[in-house]
All heavy atoms as atom14 arrays in JSON, in Angstrom:
{
  "sequence": "GDPRFRPATAALRAILPLLDDLVDGSSVKNLTDFILSLARPAPAADA",
  "atom14_mask": [
    [1, 1, 1, 1, 0, 0, 0, 0, 0, 0, 0, 0, 0, 0],
    [1, 1, 1, 1, 1, 1, 1, 1, 0, 0, 0, 0, 0, 0],
    [1, 1, 1, 1, 1, 1, 1, 0, 0, 0, 0, 0, 0, 0],
    [1, 1, 1, 1, 1, 1, 1, 1, 1, 1, 1, 0, 0, 0],
    [1, 1, 1, 1, 1, 1, 1, 1, 1, 1, 1, 0, 0, 0],
    [1, 1, 1, 1, 1, 1, 1, 1, 1, 1, 1, 0, 0, 0],
    [1, 1, 1, 1, 1, 1, 1, 0, 0, 0, 0, 0, 0, 0],
    [1, 1, 1, 1, 1, 0, 0, 0, 0, 0, 0, 0, 0, 0],
    [1, 1, 1, 1, 1, 1, 1, 0, 0, 0, 0, 0, 0, 0],
    [1, 1, 1, 1, 1, 0, 0, 0, 0, 0, 0, 0, 0, 0],
    [1, 1, 1, 1, 1, 0, 0, 0, 0, 0, 0, 0, 0, 0],
    [1, 1, 1, 1, 1, 1, 1, 1, 0, 0, 0, 0, 0, 0],
    [1, 1, 1, 1, 1, 1, 1, 1, 1, 1, 1, 0, 0, 0],
    [1, 1, 1, 1, 1, 0, 0, 0, 0, 0, 0, 0, 0, 0],
    [1, 1, 1, 1, 1, 1, 1, 1, 0, 0, 0, 0, 0, 0],
    [1, 1, 1, 1, 1, 1, 1, 1, 0, 0, 0, 0, 0, 0],
    [1, 1, 1, 1, 1, 1, 1, 0, 0, 0, 0, 0, 0, 0],
    [1, 1, 1, 1, 1, 1, 1, 1, 0, 0, 0, 0, 0, 0],
    [1, 1, 1, 1, 1, 1, 1, 1, 0, 0, 0, 0, 0, 0],
    [1, 1, 1, 1, 1, 1, 1, 1, 0, 0, 0, 0, 0, 0],
    [1, 1, 1, 1, 1, 1, 1, 1, 0, 0, 0, 0, 0, 0],
    [1, 1, 1, 1, 1, 1, 1, 1, 0, 0, 0, 0, 0, 0],
    [1, 1, 1, 1, 1, 1, 1, 0, 0, 0, 0, 0, 0, 0],
    [1, 1, 1, 1, 1, 1, 1, 1, 0, 0, 0, 0, 0, 0],
    [1, 1, 1, 1, 0, 0, 0, 0, 0, 0, 0, 0, 0, 0],
    [1, 1, 1, 1, 1, 1, 0, 0, 0, 0, 0, 0, 0, 0],
    [1, 1, 1, 1, 1, 1, 0, 0, 0, 0, 0, 0, 0, 0],
    [1, 1, 1, 1, 1, 1, 1, 0, 0, 0, 0, 0, 0, 0],
    [1, 1, 1, 1, 1, 1, 1, 1, 1, 0, 0, 0, 0, 0],
    [1, 1, 1, 1, 1, 1, 1, 1, 0, 0, 0, 0, 0, 0],
    [1, 1, 1, 1, 1, 1, 1, 1, 0, 0, 0, 0, 0, 0],
    [1, 1, 1, 1, 1, 1, 1, 0, 0, 0, 0, 0, 0, 0],
    [1, 1, 1, 1, 1, 1, 1, 1, 0, 0, 0, 0, 0, 0],
    [1, 1, 1, 1, 1, 1, 1, 1, 1, 1, 1, 0, 0, 0],
    [1, 1, 1, 1, 1, 1, 1, 1, 0, 0, 0, 0, 0, 0],
    [1, 1, 1, 1, 1, 1, 1, 1, 0, 0, 0, 0, 0, 0],
    [1, 1, 1, 1, 1, 1, 0, 0, 0, 0, 0, 0, 0, 0],
    [1, 1, 1, 1, 1, 1, 1, 1, 0, 0, 0, 0, 0, 0],
    [1, 1, 1, 1, 1, 0, 0, 0, 0, 0, 0, 0, 0, 0],
    [1, 1, 1, 1, 1, 1, 1, 1, 1, 1, 1, 0, 0, 0],
    [1, 1, 1, 1, 1, 1, 1, 0, 0, 0, 0, 0, 0, 0],
    [1, 1, 1, 1, 1, 0, 0, 0, 0, 0, 0, 0, 0, 0],
    [1, 1, 1, 1, 1, 1, 1, 0, 0, 0, 0, 0, 0, 0],
    [1, 1, 1, 1, 1, 0, 0, 0, 0, 0, 0, 0, 0, 0],
    [1, 1, 1, 1, 1, 0, 0, 0, 0, 0, 0, 0, 0, 0],
    [1, 1, 1, 1, 1, 1, 1, 1, 0, 0, 0, 0, 0, 0],
    [1, 1, 1, 1, 1, 0, 0, 0, 0, 0, 0, 0, 0, 0]
  ],
  "atom14_positions": [
    [[0.8, -1.22, 0.0], [0.0, 0.0, 0.0], [0.83, 1.26, 0.0], [0.34, 2.35, -0.32], [0.0, 0.0, 0.0], [0.0, 0.0, 0.0], [0.0, 0.0, 0.0], [0.0, 0.0, 0.0], [0.0, 0.0, 0.0], [0.0, 0.0, 0.0], [0.0, 0.0, 0.0], [0.0, 0.0, 0.0], [0.0, 0.0, 0.0], [0.0, 0.0, 0.0]],
    [[2.11, 1.15, 0.34], [3.03, 2.28, 0.3], [3.61, 2.4, -1.11], [4.18, 1.43, -1.63], [4.16, 2.05, 1.32], [5.07, 3.26, 1.46], [5.11, 4.1, 0.54], [5.76, 3.35, 2.5], [0.0, 0.0, 0.0], [0.0, 0.0, 0.0], [0.0, 0.0, 0.0], [0.0, 0.0, 0.0], [0.0, 0.0, 0.0], [0.0, 0.0, 0.0]],
    [[3.48, 3.55, -1.77], [4.01, 3.68, -3.13], [5.51, 3.41, -3.23], [6.01, 3.1, -4.31], [3.68, 5.15, -3.5], [2.58, 5.54, -2.56], [2.8, 4.76, -1.3], [0.0, 0.0, 0.0], [0.0, 0.0, 0.0], [0.0, 0.0, 0.0], [0.0, 0.0, 0.0], [0.0, 0.0, 0.0], [0.0, 0.0, 0.0], [0.0, 0.0, 0.0]],
    [[6.22, 3.54, -2.1], [7.67, 3.29, -2.12], [8.02, 1.83, -1.96], [9.19, 1.47, -2.01], [8.33, 4.1, -1.0], [8.15, 5.61, -1.12], [8.55, 6.31, 0.17], [7.69, 5.9, 1.28], [7.86, 6.3, 2.53], [8.85, 7.11, 2.84], [7.03, 5.9, 3.48], [0.0, 0.0, 0.0], [0.0, 0.0, 0.0], [0.0, 0.0, 0.0]],
    [[7.02, 0.97, -1.79], [7.29, -0.45, -1.55], [7.94, -1.1, -2.76], [7.55, -0.88, -3.9], [6.0, -1.19, -1.22], [6.14, -2.69, -1.24], [6.73, -3.35, -0.18], [5.69, -3.43, -2.34], [6.86, -4.73, -0.19], [5.81, -4.8, -2.35], [6.4, -5.46, -1.28], [0.0, 0.0, 0.0], [0.0, 0.0, 0.0], [0.0, 0.0, 0.0]],
    [[8.96, -1.91, -2.49], [9.59, -2.76, -3.49], [9.85, -4.11, -2.82], [10.21, -4.16, -1.64], [10.91, -2.18, -4.0], [10.77, -0.84, -4.73], [10.0, -0.97, -6.04], [9.92, 0.29, -6.74], [8.96, 1.19, -6.56], [8.0, 0.97, -5.67], [8.95, 2.32, -7.25], [0.0, 0.0, 0.0], [0.0, 0.0, 0.0], [0.0, 0.0, 0.0]],
    [[9.71, -5.22, -3.54], [10.02, -6.54, -2.95], [11.53, -6.73, -2.81], [12.18, -7.43, -3.59], [9.41, -7.51, -3.98], [9.39, -6.77, -5.27], [9.19, -5.32, -4.91], [0.0, 0.0, 0.0], [0.0, 0.0, 0.0], [0.0, 0.0, 0.0], [0.0, 0.0, 0.0], [0.0, 0.0, 0.0], [0.0, 0.0, 0.0], [0.0, 0.0, 0.0]],
    [[12.09, -6.07, -1.79], [13.55, -6.01, -1.65], [14.11, -6.97, -0.62], [15.31, -7.2, -0.6], [13.96, -4.58, -1.28], [0.0, 0.0, 0.0], [0.0, 0.0, 0.0], [0.0, 0.0, 0.0], [0.0, 0.0, 0.0], [0.0, 0.0, 0.0], [0.0, 0.0, 0.0], [0.0, 0.0, 0.0], [0.0, 0.0, 0.0], [0.0, 0.0, 0.0]],
    [[13.27, -7.54, 0.26], [13.8, -8.47, 1.25], [14.24, -9.76, 0.57], [13.77, -10.11, -0.53], [12.75, -8.8, 2.33], [11.64, -9.49, 1.7], [12.23, -7.53, 2.98], [0.0, 0.0, 0.0], [0.0, 0.0, 0.0], [0.0, 0.0, 0.0], [0.0, 0.0, 0.0], [0.0, 0.0, 0.0], [0.0, 0.0, 0.0], [0.0, 0.0, 0.0]],
    [[15.12, -10.5, 1.23], [15.63, -11.73, 0.65], [14.5, -12.73, 0.4], [14.47, -13.42, -0.63], [16.69, -12.35, 1.57], [0.0, 0.0, 0.0], [0.0, 0.0, 0.0], [0.0, 0.0, 0.0], [0.0, 0.0, 0.0], [0.0, 0.0, 0.0], [0.0, 0.0, 0.0], [0.0, 0.0, 0.0], [0.0, 0.0, 0.0], [0.0, 0.0, 0.0]],
    [[13.56, -12.81, 1.34], [12.44, -13.75, 1.18], [11.56, -13.38, -0.01], [11.2, -14.25, -0.82], [11.61, -13.79, 2.46], [0.0, 0.0, 0.0], [0.0, 0.0, 0.0], [0.0, 0.0, 0.0], [0.0, 0.0, 0.0], [0.0, 0.0, 0.0], [0.0, 0.0, 0.0], [0.0, 0.0, 0.0], [0.0, 0.0, 0.0], [0.0, 0.0, 0.0]],
    [[11.21, -12.1, -0.13], [10.36, -11.69, -1.25], [11.07, -11.85, -2.59], [10.45, -12.24, -3.58], [9.91, -10.24, -1.05], [8.75, -10.03, -0.07], [8.47, -8.55, 0.12], [7.49, -10.73, -0.57], [0.0, 0.0, 0.0], [0.0, 0.0, 0.0], [0.0, 0.0, 0.0], [0.0, 0.0, 0.0], [0.0, 0.0, 0.0], [0.0, 0.0, 0.0]],
    [[12.35, -11.54, -2.63], [13.09, -11.73, -3.88], [13.13, -13.2, -4.27], [13.08, -13.53, -5.46], [14.51, -11.19, -3.74], [14.61, -9.67, -3.7], [16.01, -9.21, -4.09], [17.02, -9.87, -3.26], [17.5, -9.39, -2.12], [17.02, -8.25, -1.64], [18.43, -10.03, -1.45], [0.0, 0.0, 0.0], [0.0, 0.0, 0.0], [0.0, 0.0, 0.0]],
    [[13.21, -14.08, -3.29], [13.29, -15.51, -3.59], [11.97, -16.06, -4.11], [11.95, -16.92, -5.0], [13.73, -16.28, -2.34], [0.0, 0.0, 0.0], [0.0, 0.0, 0.0], [0.0, 0.0, 0.0], [0.0, 0.0, 0.0], [0.0, 0.0, 0.0], [0.0, 0.0, 0.0], [0.0, 0.0, 0.0], [0.0, 0.0, 0.0], [0.0, 0.0, 0.0]],
    [[10.84, -15.59, -3.55], [9.55, -16.17, -3.94], [8.85, -15.41, -5.06], [7.89, -15.93, -5.64], [8.6, -16.26, -2.72], [8.2, -14.86, -2.24], [9.23, -17.06, -1.6], [7.14, -14.88, -1.13], [0.0, 0.0, 0.0], [0.0, 0.0, 0.0], [0.0, 0.0, 0.0], [0.0, 0.0, 0.0], [0.0, 0.0, 0.0], [0.0, 0.0, 0.0]],
    [[9.33, -14.22, -5.4], [8.64, -13.42, -6.42], [8.49, -14.16, -7.75], [7.42, -14.13, -8.35], [9.37, -12.08, -6.62], [8.67, -11.08, -7.54], [7.3, -10.69, -6.99], [9.53, -9.83, -7.72], [0.0, 0.0, 0.0], [0.0, 0.0, 0.0], [0.0, 0.0, 0.0], [0.0, 0.0, 0.0], [0.0, 0.0, 0.0], [0.0, 0.0, 0.0]],
    [[9.53, -14.84, -8.26], [9.34, -15.57, -9.53], [8.35, -16.71, -9.45], [7.9, -17.22, -10.48], [10.76, -16.09, -9.84], [11.69, -15.26, -9.03], [10.92, -14.91, -7.8], [0.0, 0.0, 0.0], [0.0, 0.0, 0.0], [0.0, 0.0, 0.0], [0.0, 0.0, 0.0], [0.0, 0.0, 0.0], [0.0, 0.0, 0.0], [0.0, 0.0, 0.0]],
    [[8.01, -17.14, -8.24], [7.1, -18.28, -8.06], [5.65, -17.84, -7.92], [4.75, -18.67, -7.91], [7.5, -19.08, -6.82], [8.97, -19.51, -6.75], [9.27, -20.16, -5.4], [9.3, -20.48, -7.87], [0.0, 0.0, 0.0], [0.0, 0.0, 0.0], [0.0, 0.0, 0.0], [0.0, 0.0, 0.0], [0.0, 0.0, 0.0], [0.0, 0.0, 0.0]],
    [[5.42, -16.52, -7.78], [4.07, -15.99, -7.56], [3.43, -15.57, -8.87], [4.1, -15.05, -9.78], [4.12, -14.79, -6.62], [4.59, -15.04, -5.18], [4.78, -13.71, -4.46], [3.6, -15.92, -4.43], [0.0, 0.0, 0.0], [0.0, 0.0, 0.0], [0.0, 0.0, 0.0], [0.0, 0.0, 0.0], [0.0, 0.0, 0.0], [0.0, 0.0, 0.0]],
    [[2.12, -15.75, -8.95], [1.37, -15.19, -10.08], [1.03, -13.73, -9.84], [0.92, -12.95, -10.79], [0.09, -16.0, -10.3], [0.37, -17.42, -10.77], [1.01, -17.57, -11.82], [-0.02, -18.36, -10.07], [0.0, 0.0, 0.0], [0.0, 0.0, 0.0], [0.0, 0.0, 0.0], [0.0, 0.0, 0.0], [0.0, 0.0, 0.0], [0.0, 0.0, 0.0]],
    [[0.83, -13.36, -8.56], [0.46, -11.99, -8.23], [1.13, -11.58, -6.93], [1.24, -12.38, -5.99], [-1.06, -11.84, -8.05], [-1.85, -12.4, -9.22], [-1.91, -11.74, -10.26], [-2.4, -13.51, -9.07], [0.0, 0.0, 0.0], [0.0, 0.0, 0.0], [0.0, 0.0, 0.0], [0.0, 0.0, 0.0], [0.0, 0.0, 0.0], [0.0, 0.0, 0.0]],
    [[1.58, -10.33, -6.87], [2.0, -9.69, -5.62], [1.28, -8.36, -5.59], [1.6, -7.44, -6.34], [3.51, -9.49, -5.59], [4.07, -8.73, -4.38], [3.7, -9.43, -3.08], [5.57, -8.55, -4.49], [0.0, 0.0, 0.0], [0.0, 0.0, 0.0], [0.0, 0.0, 0.0], [0.0, 0.0, 0.0], [0.0, 0.0, 0.0], [0.0, 0.0, 0.0]],
    [[0.25, -8.25, -4.72], [-0.68, -7.13, -4.81], [-0.81, -6.44, -3.46], [-0.34, -6.92, -2.43], [-2.07, -7.59, -5.3], [-1.97, -8.19, -6.69], [-2.67, -8.6, -4.34], [0.0, 0.0, 0.0], [0.0, 0.0, 0.0], [0.0, 0.0, 0.0], [0.0, 0.0, 0.0], [0.0, 0.0, 0.0], [0.0, 0.0, 0.0], [0.0, 0.0, 0.0]],
    [[-1.48, -5.3, -3.51], [-1.73, -4.49, -2.32], [-2.82, -5.12, -1.47], [-3.95, -5.31, -1.91], [-2.14, -3.08, -2.77], [-2.45, -2.15, -1.61], [-2.21, -2.54, -0.45], [-2.94, -1.03, -1.86], [0.0, 0.0, 0.0], [0.0, 0.0, 0.0], [0.0, 0.0, 0.0], [0.0, 0.0, 0.0], [0.0, 0.0, 0.0], [0.0, 0.0, 0.0]],
    [[-2.48, -5.44, -0.22], [-3.46, -6.0, 0.7], [-3.7, -5.1, 1.89], [-4.04, -5.58, 2.97], [0.0, 0.0, 0.0], [0.0, 0.0, 0.0], [0.0, 0.0, 0.0], [0.0, 0.0, 0.0], [0.0, 0.0, 0.0], [0.0, 0.0, 0.0], [0.0, 0.0, 0.0], [0.0, 0.0, 0.0], [0.0, 0.0, 0.0], [0.0, 0.0, 0.0]],
    [[-3.55, -3.79, 1.7], [-3.65, -2.85, 2.82], [-5.07, -2.48, 3.17], [-5.31, -1.87, 4.21], [-2.85, -1.58, 2.51], [-3.35, -0.95, 1.35], [0.0, 0.0, 0.0], [0.0, 0.0, 0.0], [0.0, 0.0, 0.0], [0.0, 0.0, 0.0], [0.0, 0.0, 0.0], [0.0, 0.0, 0.0], [0.0, 0.0, 0.0], [0.0, 0.0, 0.0]],
    [[-6.05, -2.81, 2.32], [-7.44, -2.45, 2.61], [-8.37, -3.53, 2.09], [-8.03, -4.28, 1.15], [-7.8, -1.11, 1.96], [-7.86, -1.23, 0.56], [0.0, 0.0, 0.0], [0.0, 0.0, 0.0], [0.0, 0.0, 0.0], [0.0, 0.0, 0.0], [0.0, 0.0, 0.0], [0.0, 0.0, 0.0], [0.0, 0.0, 0.0], [0.0, 0.0, 0.0]],
    [[-9.56, -3.59, 2.68], [-10.58, -4.54, 2.24], [-11.0, -4.26, 0.8], [-11.21, -5.18, 0.01], [-11.79, -4.51, 3.19], [-12.95, -5.31, 2.62], [-11.41, -5.05, 4.56], [0.0, 0.0, 0.0], [0.0, 0.0, 0.0], [0.0, 0.0, 0.0], [0.0, 0.0, 0.0], [0.0, 0.0, 0.0], [0.0, 0.0, 0.0], [0.0, 0.0, 0.0]],
    [[-11.1, -2.97, 0.45], [-11.51, -2.6, -0.91], [-10.53, -3.15, -1.94], [-10.93, -3.73, -2.96], [-11.58, -1.07, -1.01], [-11.91, -0.53, -2.4], [-13.34, -0.89, -2.81], [-13.81, -0.09, -4.01], [-12.96, -0.26, -5.2], [0.0, 0.0, 0.0], [0.0, 0.0, 0.0], [0.0, 0.0, 0.0], [0.0, 0.0, 0.0], [0.0, 0.0, 0.0]],
    [[-9.24, -2.98, -1.7], [-8.25, -3.49, -2.65], [-8.32, -5.01, -2.75], [-8.2, -5.59, -3.84], [-6.84, -3.08, -2.21], [-6.61, -1.6, -2.37], [-7.27, -0.93, -3.16], [-5.67, -1.05, -1.61], [0.0, 0.0, 0.0], [0.0, 0.0, 0.0], [0.0, 0.0, 0.0], [0.0, 0.0, 0.0], [0.0, 0.0, 0.0], [0.0, 0.0, 0.0]],
    [[-8.51, -5.67, -1.63], [-8.55, -7.13, -1.64], [-9.79, -7.66, -2.34], [-9.71, -8.62, -3.13], [-8.5, -7.66, -0.21], [-7.13, -7.62, 0.46], [-7.25, -7.98, 1.94], [-6.17, -8.59, -0.23], [0.0, 0.0, 0.0], [0.0, 0.0, 0.0], [0.0, 0.0, 0.0], [0.0, 0.0, 0.0], [0.0, 0.0, 0.0], [0.0, 0.0, 0.0]],
    [[-10.94, -7.06, -2.07], [-12.16, -7.55, -2.73], [-12.09, -7.32, -4.24], [-12.47, -8.19, -5.01], [-13.4, -6.86, -2.15], [-13.25, -5.43, -2.22], [-13.63, -7.26, -0.71], [0.0, 0.0, 0.0], [0.0, 0.0, 0.0], [0.0, 0.0, 0.0], [0.0, 0.0, 0.0], [0.0, 0.0, 0.0], [0.0, 0.0, 0.0], [0.0, 0.0, 0.0]],
    [[-11.57, -6.16, -4.65], [-11.42, -5.91, -6.09], [-10.49, -6.93, -6.72], [-10.73, -7.44, -7.82], [-10.87, -4.5, -6.33], [-11.89, -3.42, -6.02], [-13.09, -3.76, -5.85], [-11.5, -2.24, -5.9], [0.0, 0.0, 0.0], [0.0, 0.0, 0.0], [0.0, 0.0, 0.0], [0.0, 0.0, 0.0], [0.0, 0.0, 0.0], [0.0, 0.0, 0.0]],
    [[-9.4, -7.26, -6.02], [-8.46, -8.23, -6.58], [-9.07, -9.62, -6.67], [-8.96, -10.3, -7.71], [-7.18, -8.27, -5.74], [-6.27, -9.42, -6.1], [-5.61, -9.43, -7.32], [-6.12, -10.49, -5.24], [-4.8, -10.5, -7.67], [-5.31, -11.55, -5.58], [-4.64, -11.57, -6.79], [0.0, 0.0, 0.0], [0.0, 0.0, 0.0], [0.0, 0.0, 0.0]],
    [[-9.72, -10.09, -5.61], [-10.29, -11.44, -5.62], [-11.37, -11.57, -6.69], [-11.48, -12.6, -7.37], [-10.83, -11.79, -4.22], [-9.66, -11.92, -3.24], [-11.62, -13.09, -4.25], [-10.09, -12.12, -1.8], [0.0, 0.0, 0.0], [0.0, 0.0, 0.0], [0.0, 0.0, 0.0], [0.0, 0.0, 0.0], [0.0, 0.0, 0.0], [0.0, 0.0, 0.0]],
    [[-12.15, -10.51, -6.88], [-13.18, -10.55, -7.91], [-12.59, -10.51, -9.31], [-13.29, -10.78, -10.3], [-14.16, -9.38, -7.73], [-15.05, -9.44, -6.49], [-15.89, -8.18, -6.37], [-15.93, -10.68, -6.5], [0.0, 0.0, 0.0], [0.0, 0.0, 0.0], [0.0, 0.0, 0.0], [0.0, 0.0, 0.0], [0.0, 0.0, 0.0], [0.0, 0.0, 0.0]],
    [[-11.3, -10.18, -9.45], [-10.65, -10.14, -10.76], [-9.8, -11.38, -11.03], [-9.08, -11.43, -12.04], [-9.76, -8.9, -10.86], [-8.61, -9.03, -10.04], [0.0, 0.0, 0.0], [0.0, 0.0, 0.0], [0.0, 0.0, 0.0], [0.0, 0.0, 0.0], [0.0, 0.0, 0.0], [0.0, 0.0, 0.0], [0.0, 0.0, 0.0], [0.0, 0.0, 0.0]],
    [[-9.85, -12.39, -10.17], [-8.98, -13.55, -10.32], [-9.23, -14.31, -11.62], [-8.34, -15.01, -12.11], [-9.17, -14.5, -9.12], [-8.51, -14.07, -7.82], [-8.92, -14.99, -6.68], [-7.0, -14.06, -7.97], [0.0, 0.0, 0.0], [0.0, 0.0, 0.0], [0.0, 0.0, 0.0], [0.0, 0.0, 0.0], [0.0, 0.0, 0.0], [0.0, 0.0, 0.0]],
    [[-10.44, -14.22, -12.17], [-10.74, -14.94, -13.41], [-10.1, -14.27, -14.62], [-9.99, -14.91, -15.68], [-12.25, -15.05, -13.6], [0.0, 0.0, 0.0], [0.0, 0.0, 0.0], [0.0, 0.0, 0.0], [0.0, 0.0, 0.0], [0.0, 0.0, 0.0], [0.0, 0.0, 0.0], [0.0, 0.0, 0.0], [0.0, 0.0, 0.0], [0.0, 0.0, 0.0]],
    [[-9.68, -13.02, -14.47], [-9.09, -12.31, -15.6], [-7.58, -12.53, -15.62], [-6.91, -12.42, -14.59], [-9.41, -10.82, -15.51], [-10.89, -10.52, -15.58], [-11.15, -9.05, -15.85], [-10.78, -8.2, -14.73], [-11.6, -7.85, -13.75], [-12.84, -8.3, -13.74], [-11.2, -7.06, -12.78], [0.0, 0.0, 0.0], [0.0, 0.0, 0.0], [0.0, 0.0, 0.0]],
    [[-6.99, -12.81, -16.79], [-5.54, -13.03, -16.86], [-4.77, -11.75, -16.55], [-5.26, -10.64, -16.79], [-5.31, -13.49, -18.3], [-6.49, -12.97, -19.07], [-7.64, -12.95, -18.1], [0.0, 0.0, 0.0], [0.0, 0.0, 0.0], [0.0, 0.0, 0.0], [0.0, 0.0, 0.0], [0.0, 0.0, 0.0], [0.0, 0.0, 0.0], [0.0, 0.0, 0.0]],
    [[-3.58, -11.91, -16.02], [-2.73, -10.76, -15.68], [-1.28, -11.18, -15.83], [-0.95, -12.36, -15.74], [-3.01, -10.29, -14.25], [0.0, 0.0, 0.0], [0.0, 0.0, 0.0], [0.0, 0.0, 0.0], [0.0, 0.0, 0.0], [0.0, 0.0, 0.0], [0.0, 0.0, 0.0], [0.0, 0.0, 0.0], [0.0, 0.0, 0.0], [0.0, 0.0, 0.0]],
    [[-0.38, -10.22, -16.07], [1.05, -10.56, -16.15], [1.55, -11.13, -14.84], [1.01, -10.86, -13.77], [1.72, -9.2, -16.45], [0.63, -8.33, -16.98], [-0.63, -8.79, -16.34], [0.0, 0.0, 0.0], [0.0, 0.0, 0.0], [0.0, 0.0, 0.0], [0.0, 0.0, 0.0], [0.0, 0.0, 0.0], [0.0, 0.0, 0.0], [0.0, 0.0, 0.0]],
    [[2.6, -11.94, -14.91], [3.17, -12.54, -13.71], [3.73, -11.46, -12.8], [4.16, -10.39, -13.25], [4.27, -13.53, -14.09], [0.0, 0.0, 0.0], [0.0, 0.0, 0.0], [0.0, 0.0, 0.0], [0.0, 0.0, 0.0], [0.0, 0.0, 0.0], [0.0, 0.0, 0.0], [0.0, 0.0, 0.0], [0.0, 0.0, 0.0], [0.0, 0.0, 0.0]],
    [[3.74, -11.75, -11.5], [4.2, -10.77, -10.52], [5.63, -10.34, -10.8], [5.98, -9.15, -10.66], [4.11, -11.37, -9.11], [0.0, 0.0, 0.0], [0.0, 0.0, 0.0], [0.0, 0.0, 0.0], [0.0, 0.0, 0.0], [0.0, 0.0, 0.0], [0.0, 0.0, 0.0], [0.0, 0.0, 0.0], [0.0, 0.0, 0.0], [0.0, 0.0, 0.0]],
    [[6.48, -11.26, -11.19], [7.89, -10.94, -11.45], [8.01, -9.9, -12.55], [8.79, -8.94, -12.45], [8.63, -12.23, -11.82], [10.13, -12.05, -11.76], [10.6, -11.13, -11.06], [10.86, -12.82, -12.42], [0.0, 0.0, 0.0], [0.0, 0.0, 0.0], [0.0, 0.0, 0.0], [0.0, 0.0, 0.0], [0.0, 0.0, 0.0], [0.0, 0.0, 0.0]],
    [[7.24, -10.06, -13.63], [7.3, -9.13, -14.74], [6.82, -7.73, -14.33], [7.42, -6.71, -14.72], [6.47, -9.65, -15.91], [0.0, 0.0, 0.0], [0.0, 0.0, 0.0], [0.0, 0.0, 0.0], [0.0, 0.0, 0.0], [0.0, 0.0, 0.0], [0.0, 0.0, 0.0], [0.0, 0.0, 0.0], [0.0, 0.0, 0.0], [0.0, 0.0, 0.0]]
  ]
}
C-alpha cells in the first residue's frame, strides 16, 4: 500500500518468480477488487 514499496527483502526476492500476483493488501476494498478479478488473466508478478 506504500508507493515506495519494493520486494527487496531476501524472502520476497526468492519467492517473487514463483508468484502469479504480488498485490496491495492494505485495505478490504483493494482485496475484494483483486479477488473478484482472479478470473481475468494478468502478467506474472515478477514481470
